[in-house]
Amino acid sequence: MGAEAKLKELGLTLPEQSKPVANYLPAVRAGNLLFVSGHGPYNDGKIKTAGKVGQDLTVDEGYQVARNVTMNCLASIRVALGDLNKVKRFVKLLGMVNCTEDFKEQPKVINGCSDLLVELFGDAGKHARSAVGMQALPFAIPVEIEMIVEVE
């Protein structure tokens, strides 16, 4: 089953692609690689969630934010490719978590992204990954994710 059908089966709807908040493109294709810019929890042009994980949000809330951010990344991928079924595999993710200095569970937060990709794409959703803590992210968003995707 392709990713587009899997979205429907799970009852998920991709949001509209967010507009960049500065001078960059949401995604750039170079050969068979698609480089997806860092995305945050922006929906309908507004920040859906703000704050630091470990202070304002729990690990579980951060996980849900990471899922939302992933949906935003997928929206940009669909716009760039026309169809999520053109994704061959997810190669690399960088997951950034706006968190307190003593927070140590960034991987659990970014699992919100990784788990969703595997749900939708199966083995093609498995990827190399970094999950890192940040002192701050733009507009106080709790999670930012960027991706490298191999495409048809």
N, C-alpha and C. Protein backbone atom coordinates (compact mmCIF):
# COMPACT_ATOMS: atom_id res chain seq x y z
N MET A 1 0.85 -1.18 0.00
CA MET A 1 0.00 0.00 0.00
C MET A 1 0.89 1.24 0.00
N GLY A 2 0.58 2.19 -0.87
CA GLY A 2 1.35 3.42 -0.95
C GLY A 2 1.06 4.36 0.21
N ALA A 3 1.91 5.35 0.37
CA ALA A 3 1.78 6.30 1.47
C ALA A 3 0.50 7.11 1.38
N GLU A 4 0.08 7.47 0.18
CA GLU A 4 -1.16 8.25 0.02
C GLU A 4 -2.35 7.44 0.52
N ALA A 5 -2.42 6.16 0.18
CA ALA A 5 -3.52 5.30 0.64
C ALA A 5 -3.43 5.07 2.14
N LYS A 6 -2.21 4.94 2.64
CA LYS A 6 -2.01 4.71 4.08
C LYS A 6 -2.49 5.92 4.89
N LEU A 7 -2.24 7.14 4.38
CA LEU A 7 -2.75 8.35 5.04
C LEU A 7 -4.25 8.25 5.21
N LYS A 8 -4.94 7.90 4.12
CA LYS A 8 -6.40 7.80 4.15
C LYS A 8 -6.85 6.71 5.12
N GLU A 9 -6.17 5.55 5.07
CA GLU A 9 -6.53 4.44 5.95
C GLU A 9 -6.43 4.85 7.42
N LEU A 10 -5.42 5.65 7.75
CA LEU A 10 -5.21 6.11 9.13
C LEU A 10 -6.08 7.31 9.49
N GLY A 11 -6.82 7.82 8.51
CA GLY A 11 -7.68 8.99 8.76
C GLY A 11 -6.90 10.28 8.92
N LEU A 12 -5.72 10.36 8.31
CA LEU A 12 -4.88 11.55 8.42
C LEU A 12 -5.01 12.41 7.17
N THR A 13 -5.03 13.71 7.36
CA THR A 13 -5.09 14.67 6.26
C THR A 13 -3.92 15.62 6.39
N LEU A 14 -3.15 15.74 5.33
CA LEU A 14 -2.02 16.67 5.37
C LEU A 14 -2.53 18.11 5.41
N PRO A 15 -1.86 18.96 6.17
CA PRO A 15 -2.23 20.38 6.19
C PRO A 15 -1.77 21.05 4.90
N GLU A 16 -2.21 22.28 4.71
CA GLU A 16 -1.68 23.09 3.63
C GLU A 16 -0.20 23.32 3.92
N GLN A 17 0.60 23.41 2.86
CA GLN A 17 2.02 23.69 3.05
C GLN A 17 2.19 25.05 3.72
N SER A 18 3.02 25.09 4.76
CA SER A 18 3.30 26.36 5.45
C SER A 18 4.15 27.25 4.57
N LYS A 19 3.95 28.53 4.68
CA LYS A 19 4.79 29.48 3.96
C LYS A 19 6.08 29.67 4.76
N PRO A 20 7.23 29.75 4.08
CA PRO A 20 8.48 29.99 4.80
C PRO A 20 8.41 31.29 5.60
N VAL A 21 9.07 31.30 6.76
CA VAL A 21 9.06 32.48 7.62
C VAL A 21 10.25 33.40 7.33
N ALA A 22 11.07 33.03 6.35
CA ALA A 22 12.23 33.85 5.97
C ALA A 22 12.53 33.57 4.50
N ASN A 23 13.73 33.90 4.05
CA ASN A 23 14.11 33.79 2.64
C ASN A 23 14.70 32.41 2.34
N TYR A 24 13.85 31.42 2.18
CA TYR A 24 14.28 30.05 1.84
C TYR A 24 13.11 29.32 1.20
N LEU A 25 13.39 28.15 0.65
CA LEU A 25 12.37 27.29 0.05
C LEU A 25 12.02 26.15 1.01
N PRO A 26 10.77 25.69 1.02
CA PRO A 26 10.40 24.57 1.89
C PRO A 26 11.13 23.28 1.54
N ALA A 27 11.45 23.08 0.26
CA ALA A 27 12.16 21.87 -0.17
C ALA A 27 12.88 22.18 -1.47
N VAL A 28 14.05 21.56 -1.65
CA VAL A 28 14.84 21.73 -2.88
C VAL A 28 15.26 20.34 -3.34
N ARG A 29 15.01 20.09 -4.62
CA ARG A 29 15.41 18.81 -5.21
C ARG A 29 16.75 18.96 -5.89
N ALA A 30 17.64 18.00 -5.64
CA ALA A 30 18.94 17.92 -6.32
C ALA A 30 19.09 16.47 -6.78
N GLY A 31 18.87 16.23 -8.06
CA GLY A 31 18.91 14.87 -8.57
C GLY A 31 17.80 14.04 -7.96
N ASN A 32 18.18 12.91 -7.35
CA ASN A 32 17.17 12.05 -6.74
C ASN A 32 17.04 12.27 -5.23
N LEU A 33 17.55 13.40 -4.74
CA LEU A 33 17.41 13.75 -3.33
C LEU A 33 16.56 15.00 -3.18
N LEU A 34 15.69 14.97 -2.19
CA LEU A 34 14.89 16.13 -1.83
C LEU A 34 15.33 16.57 -0.44
N PHE A 35 15.80 17.80 -0.34
CA PHE A 35 16.23 18.38 0.93
C PHE A 35 15.06 19.21 1.47
N VAL A 36 14.51 18.79 2.60
CA VAL A 36 13.36 19.45 3.19
C VAL A 36 13.85 20.37 4.30
N SER A 37 13.55 21.65 4.16
CA SER A 37 13.96 22.64 5.17
C SER A 37 13.37 22.31 6.53
N GLY A 38 13.95 22.88 7.55
CA GLY A 38 13.40 22.72 8.89
C GLY A 38 11.98 23.23 8.95
N HIS A 39 11.09 22.39 9.45
CA HIS A 39 9.67 22.72 9.61
C HIS A 39 9.34 22.71 11.10
N GLY A 40 8.36 23.50 11.46
CA GLY A 40 7.87 23.54 12.83
C GLY A 40 6.39 23.29 12.88
N PRO A 41 5.78 23.48 14.05
CA PRO A 41 4.34 23.23 14.20
C PRO A 41 3.50 24.44 13.77
N TYR A 42 3.58 24.78 12.50
CA TYR A 42 2.80 25.89 11.95
C TYR A 42 1.61 25.30 11.21
N ASN A 43 0.41 25.74 11.55
CA ASN A 43 -0.78 25.30 10.87
C ASN A 43 -1.65 26.53 10.61
N ASP A 44 -2.15 26.63 9.39
CA ASP A 44 -2.97 27.77 8.98
C ASP A 44 -2.23 29.09 9.22
N GLY A 45 -0.92 29.08 9.01
CA GLY A 45 -0.12 30.29 9.16
C GLY A 45 0.16 30.69 10.59
N LYS A 46 -0.21 29.86 11.54
CA LYS A 46 -0.01 30.18 12.95
C LYS A 46 0.78 29.08 13.64
N ILE A 47 1.49 29.46 14.68
CA ILE A 47 2.21 28.47 15.48
C ILE A 47 1.18 27.70 16.31
N LYS A 48 1.17 26.38 16.14
CA LYS A 48 0.20 25.54 16.84
C LYS A 48 0.59 25.35 18.30
N THR A 49 1.89 25.19 18.55
CA THR A 49 2.38 24.93 19.90
C THR A 49 3.71 25.65 20.10
N ALA A 50 3.89 26.25 21.28
CA ALA A 50 5.15 26.90 21.62
C ALA A 50 5.56 26.44 23.02
N GLY A 51 6.84 26.62 23.32
CA GLY A 51 7.33 26.30 24.65
C GLY A 51 8.49 25.32 24.65
N LYS A 52 9.05 25.11 25.82
CA LYS A 52 10.17 24.19 26.01
C LYS A 52 9.68 22.85 26.53
N VAL A 53 10.21 21.78 25.93
CA VAL A 53 9.93 20.45 26.43
C VAL A 53 10.73 20.28 27.72
N GLY A 54 10.10 19.73 28.74
CA GLY A 54 10.73 19.60 30.05
C GLY A 54 10.38 20.75 30.97
N GLN A 55 9.73 21.76 30.43
CA GLN A 55 9.29 22.90 31.24
C GLN A 55 7.81 23.18 30.95
N ASP A 56 7.48 23.45 29.70
CA ASP A 56 6.10 23.77 29.30
C ASP A 56 5.36 22.58 28.71
N LEU A 57 6.11 21.61 28.19
CA LEU A 57 5.52 20.42 27.57
C LEU A 57 6.18 19.17 28.12
N THR A 58 5.40 18.10 28.20
CA THR A 58 5.92 16.80 28.60
C THR A 58 6.56 16.12 27.40
N VAL A 59 7.22 15.00 27.63
CA VAL A 59 7.77 14.19 26.55
C VAL A 59 6.66 13.77 25.60
N ASP A 60 5.52 13.31 26.15
CA ASP A 60 4.41 12.87 25.31
C ASP A 60 3.85 14.02 24.47
N GLU A 61 3.75 15.20 25.05
CA GLU A 61 3.28 16.36 24.28
C GLU A 61 4.29 16.71 23.19
N GLY A 62 5.58 16.63 23.51
CA GLY A 62 6.62 16.87 22.50
C GLY A 62 6.54 15.86 21.37
N TYR A 63 6.26 14.61 21.70
CA TYR A 63 6.09 13.54 20.71
C TYR A 63 4.96 13.91 19.74
N GLN A 64 3.85 14.39 20.28
CA GLN A 64 2.71 14.78 19.43
C GLN A 64 3.06 15.99 18.55
N VAL A 65 3.84 16.92 19.09
CA VAL A 65 4.29 18.06 18.28
C VAL A 65 5.16 17.55 17.13
N ALA A 66 6.05 16.60 17.42
CA ALA A 66 6.91 16.04 16.37
C ALA A 66 6.07 15.38 15.27
N ARG A 67 4.99 14.72 15.63
CA ARG A 67 4.07 14.14 14.62
C ARG A 67 3.46 15.25 13.77
N ASN A 68 3.03 16.33 14.41
CA ASN A 68 2.46 17.46 13.67
C ASN A 68 3.49 18.07 12.72
N VAL A 69 4.71 18.23 13.19
CA VAL A 69 5.78 18.79 12.35
C VAL A 69 6.03 17.86 11.16
N THR A 70 5.98 16.57 11.40
CA THR A 70 6.17 15.60 10.32
C THR A 70 5.09 15.76 9.26
N MET A 71 3.86 15.96 9.68
CA MET A 71 2.78 16.18 8.72
C MET A 71 3.06 17.43 7.88
N ASN A 72 3.62 18.46 8.49
CA ASN A 72 3.98 19.66 7.74
C ASN A 72 5.10 19.37 6.74
N CYS A 73 6.09 18.59 7.16
CA CYS A 73 7.16 18.19 6.23
C CYS A 73 6.58 17.40 5.06
N LEU A 74 5.67 16.47 5.36
CA LEU A 74 5.06 15.67 4.30
C LEU A 74 4.25 16.53 3.34
N ALA A 75 3.61 17.58 3.85
CA ALA A 75 2.88 18.49 2.98
C ALA A 75 3.83 19.15 1.99
N SER A 76 5.00 19.56 2.46
CA SER A 76 6.00 20.16 1.55
C SER A 76 6.54 19.14 0.56
N ILE A 77 6.71 17.91 1.00
CA ILE A 77 7.17 16.85 0.10
C ILE A 77 6.13 16.62 -0.99
N ARG A 78 4.86 16.56 -0.61
CA ARG A 78 3.80 16.36 -1.60
C ARG A 78 3.77 17.50 -2.62
N VAL A 79 3.91 18.74 -2.15
CA VAL A 79 3.93 19.88 -3.08
C VAL A 79 5.12 19.76 -4.02
N ALA A 80 6.28 19.40 -3.51
CA ALA A 80 7.49 19.31 -4.33
C ALA A 80 7.40 18.18 -5.36
N LEU A 81 6.79 17.06 -4.99
CA LEU A 81 6.78 15.87 -5.85
C LEU A 81 5.44 15.63 -6.54
N GLY A 82 4.38 16.22 -6.00
CA GLY A 82 3.05 15.99 -6.55
C GLY A 82 2.36 14.78 -5.95
N ASP A 83 3.10 13.89 -5.29
CA ASP A 83 2.54 12.64 -4.79
C ASP A 83 3.55 12.01 -3.82
N LEU A 84 3.09 11.65 -2.63
CA LEU A 84 3.99 11.03 -1.65
C LEU A 84 4.48 9.66 -2.10
N ASN A 85 3.79 9.04 -3.04
CA ASN A 85 4.22 7.72 -3.52
C ASN A 85 5.50 7.79 -4.34
N LYS A 86 5.98 9.00 -4.64
CA LYS A 86 7.26 9.17 -5.35
C LYS A 86 8.45 9.13 -4.40
N VAL A 87 8.19 9.01 -3.10
CA VAL A 87 9.26 8.87 -2.11
C VAL A 87 9.78 7.44 -2.18
N LYS A 88 11.11 7.29 -2.37
CA LYS A 88 11.73 5.96 -2.35
C LYS A 88 12.09 5.57 -0.92
N ARG A 89 12.67 6.52 -0.20
CA ARG A 89 13.02 6.27 1.20
C ARG A 89 13.42 7.57 1.88
N PHE A 90 13.29 7.57 3.20
CA PHE A 90 13.77 8.67 4.02
C PHE A 90 15.20 8.33 4.39
N VAL A 91 16.12 9.22 4.07
CA VAL A 91 17.54 8.95 4.25
C VAL A 91 18.01 9.44 5.62
N LYS A 92 17.71 10.70 5.96
CA LYS A 92 18.28 11.31 7.17
C LYS A 92 17.32 12.34 7.73
N LEU A 93 17.18 12.35 9.04
CA LEU A 93 16.41 13.38 9.75
C LEU A 93 17.31 14.10 10.73
N LEU A 94 17.05 15.37 10.89
CA LEU A 94 17.61 16.13 12.01
C LEU A 94 16.43 16.64 12.80
N GLY A 95 16.29 16.15 14.03
CA GLY A 95 15.22 16.59 14.91
C GLY A 95 15.79 17.45 16.02
N MET A 96 15.29 18.67 16.11
CA MET A 96 15.76 19.62 17.12
C MET A 96 14.65 19.86 18.13
N VAL A 97 14.99 19.76 19.40
CA VAL A 97 14.01 19.91 20.48
C VAL A 97 14.40 21.10 21.34
N ASN A 98 13.52 22.08 21.43
CA ASN A 98 13.69 23.23 22.31
C ASN A 98 13.38 22.72 23.72
N CYS A 99 14.42 22.63 24.54
CA CYS A 99 14.22 21.98 25.84
C CYS A 99 15.06 22.65 26.93
N THR A 100 14.76 22.25 28.15
CA THR A 100 15.52 22.74 29.28
C THR A 100 16.92 22.14 29.24
N GLU A 101 17.83 22.78 29.94
CA GLU A 101 19.24 22.37 29.93
C GLU A 101 19.42 20.94 30.44
N ASP A 102 18.60 20.52 31.40
CA ASP A 102 18.77 19.19 31.98
C ASP A 102 17.92 18.11 31.30
N PHE A 103 17.19 18.44 30.25
CA PHE A 103 16.34 17.48 29.54
C PHE A 103 17.21 16.52 28.74
N LYS A 104 16.94 15.23 28.85
CA LYS A 104 17.79 14.23 28.20
C LYS A 104 17.02 13.27 27.28
N GLU A 105 15.75 13.55 27.00
CA GLU A 105 14.94 12.58 26.26
C GLU A 105 14.55 13.05 24.86
N GLN A 106 15.46 13.77 24.22
CA GLN A 106 15.20 14.24 22.86
C GLN A 106 14.82 13.10 21.91
N PRO A 107 15.50 11.92 21.98
CA PRO A 107 15.12 10.83 21.07
C PRO A 107 13.66 10.41 21.21
N LYS A 108 13.13 10.41 22.44
CA LYS A 108 11.73 10.03 22.64
C LYS A 108 10.79 11.04 21.99
N VAL A 109 11.15 12.30 22.00
CA VAL A 109 10.34 13.33 21.36
C VAL A 109 10.35 13.13 19.84
N ILE A 110 11.53 12.97 19.27
CA ILE A 110 11.66 12.85 17.81
C ILE A 110 11.12 11.51 17.31
N ASN A 111 10.93 10.55 18.21
CA ASN A 111 10.25 9.32 17.80
C ASN A 111 8.85 9.61 17.25
N GLY A 112 8.26 10.74 17.63
CA GLY A 112 6.97 11.12 17.05
C GLY A 112 7.05 11.22 15.55
N CYS A 113 8.16 11.70 15.04
CA CYS A 113 8.40 11.76 13.61
C CYS A 113 8.75 10.39 13.05
N SER A 114 9.72 9.75 13.64
CA SER A 114 10.19 8.46 13.13
C SER A 114 9.07 7.42 13.10
N ASP A 115 8.28 7.36 14.16
CA ASP A 115 7.19 6.39 14.23
C ASP A 115 6.16 6.64 13.12
N LEU A 116 5.82 7.90 12.89
CA LEU A 116 4.84 8.23 11.85
C LEU A 116 5.37 7.87 10.46
N LEU A 117 6.64 8.14 10.20
CA LEU A 117 7.20 7.79 8.89
C LEU A 117 7.16 6.29 8.65
N VAL A 118 7.45 5.50 9.67
CA VAL A 118 7.41 4.04 9.52
C VAL A 118 5.96 3.56 9.36
N GLU A 119 5.02 4.18 10.09
CA GLU A 119 3.61 3.84 9.92
C GLU A 119 3.16 4.05 8.48
N LEU A 120 3.59 5.15 7.88
CA LEU A 120 3.13 5.53 6.54
C LEU A 120 3.91 4.87 5.41
N PHE A 121 5.22 4.70 5.60
CA PHE A 121 6.09 4.26 4.50
C PHE A 121 6.72 2.88 4.73
N GLY A 122 6.46 2.25 5.87
CA GLY A 122 7.07 0.95 6.15
C GLY A 122 8.58 1.07 6.21
N ASP A 123 9.29 0.09 5.64
CA ASP A 123 10.76 0.10 5.69
C ASP A 123 11.35 1.33 5.03
N ALA A 124 10.68 1.90 4.03
CA ALA A 124 11.18 3.12 3.37
C ALA A 124 11.14 4.32 4.32
N GLY A 125 10.40 4.21 5.42
CA GLY A 125 10.34 5.28 6.40
C GLY A 125 11.46 5.22 7.43
N LYS A 126 12.20 4.10 7.46
CA LYS A 126 13.33 3.98 8.39
C LYS A 126 14.50 4.81 7.87
N HIS A 127 15.21 5.47 8.76
CA HIS A 127 16.18 6.49 8.36
C HIS A 127 17.31 6.61 9.37
N ALA A 128 18.39 7.25 8.94
CA ALA A 128 19.41 7.70 9.88
C ALA A 128 18.86 8.96 10.54
N ARG A 129 19.33 9.27 11.76
CA ARG A 129 18.70 10.37 12.48
C ARG A 129 19.61 10.95 13.54
N SER A 130 19.45 12.25 13.76
CA SER A 130 20.01 12.92 14.93
C SER A 130 18.86 13.58 15.67
N ALA A 131 18.87 13.47 16.99
CA ALA A 131 17.87 14.12 17.85
C ALA A 131 18.64 14.92 18.88
N VAL A 132 18.57 16.23 18.78
CA VAL A 132 19.40 17.08 19.61
C VAL A 132 18.57 18.12 20.36
N GLY A 133 19.10 18.53 21.50
CA GLY A 133 18.46 19.56 22.29
C GLY A 133 19.00 20.93 21.92
N MET A 134 18.12 21.90 21.95
CA MET A 134 18.46 23.29 21.61
C MET A 134 18.05 24.20 22.76
N GLN A 135 18.84 25.25 22.95
CA GLN A 135 18.52 26.25 23.96
C GLN A 135 17.30 27.05 23.54
N ALA A 136 17.12 27.24 22.22
CA ALA A 136 15.97 27.97 21.70
C ALA A 136 15.77 27.59 20.24
N LEU A 137 14.53 27.72 19.77
CA LEU A 137 14.19 27.55 18.36
C LEU A 137 13.36 28.76 17.95
N PRO A 138 13.26 29.04 16.65
CA PRO A 138 12.53 30.22 16.20
C PRO A 138 11.10 30.28 16.76
N PHE A 139 10.70 31.45 17.21
CA PHE A 139 9.35 31.70 17.71
C PHE A 139 8.96 30.80 18.88
N ALA A 140 9.95 30.28 19.58
CA ALA A 140 9.75 29.42 20.75
C ALA A 140 9.05 28.10 20.42
N ILE A 141 9.15 27.65 19.16
CA ILE A 141 8.54 26.36 18.82
C ILE A 141 9.29 25.26 19.57
N PRO A 142 8.60 24.18 19.95
CA PRO A 142 9.25 23.12 20.71
C PRO A 142 10.03 22.12 19.86
N VAL A 143 9.68 21.97 18.57
CA VAL A 143 10.32 20.97 17.72
C VAL A 143 10.49 21.55 16.32
N GLU A 144 11.67 21.31 15.73
CA GLU A 144 11.93 21.61 14.33
C GLU A 144 12.58 20.37 13.72
N ILE A 145 12.12 20.01 12.52
CA ILE A 145 12.63 18.81 11.86
C ILE A 145 12.98 19.14 10.41
N GLU A 146 14.16 18.67 9.99
CA GLU A 146 14.52 18.74 8.57
C GLU A 146 14.82 17.33 8.09
N MET A 147 14.71 17.12 6.77
CA MET A 147 14.81 15.78 6.21
C MET A 147 15.61 15.77 4.91
N ILE A 148 16.21 14.63 4.63
CA ILE A 148 16.75 14.31 3.30
C ILE A 148 16.01 13.07 2.84
N VAL A 149 15.42 13.16 1.65
CA VAL A 149 14.55 12.10 1.15
C VAL A 149 15.03 11.68 -0.24
N GLU A 150 15.15 10.36 -0.46
CA GLU A 150 15.44 9.85 -1.79
C GLU A 150 14.11 9.72 -2.53
N VAL A 151 14.07 10.22 -3.78
CA VAL A 151 12.83 10.25 -4.55
C VAL A 151 13.02 9.63 -5.92
N GLU A 152 11.90 9.28 -6.57
CA GLU A 152 11.94 8.73 -7.92
C GLU A 152 12.40 9.78 -8.91
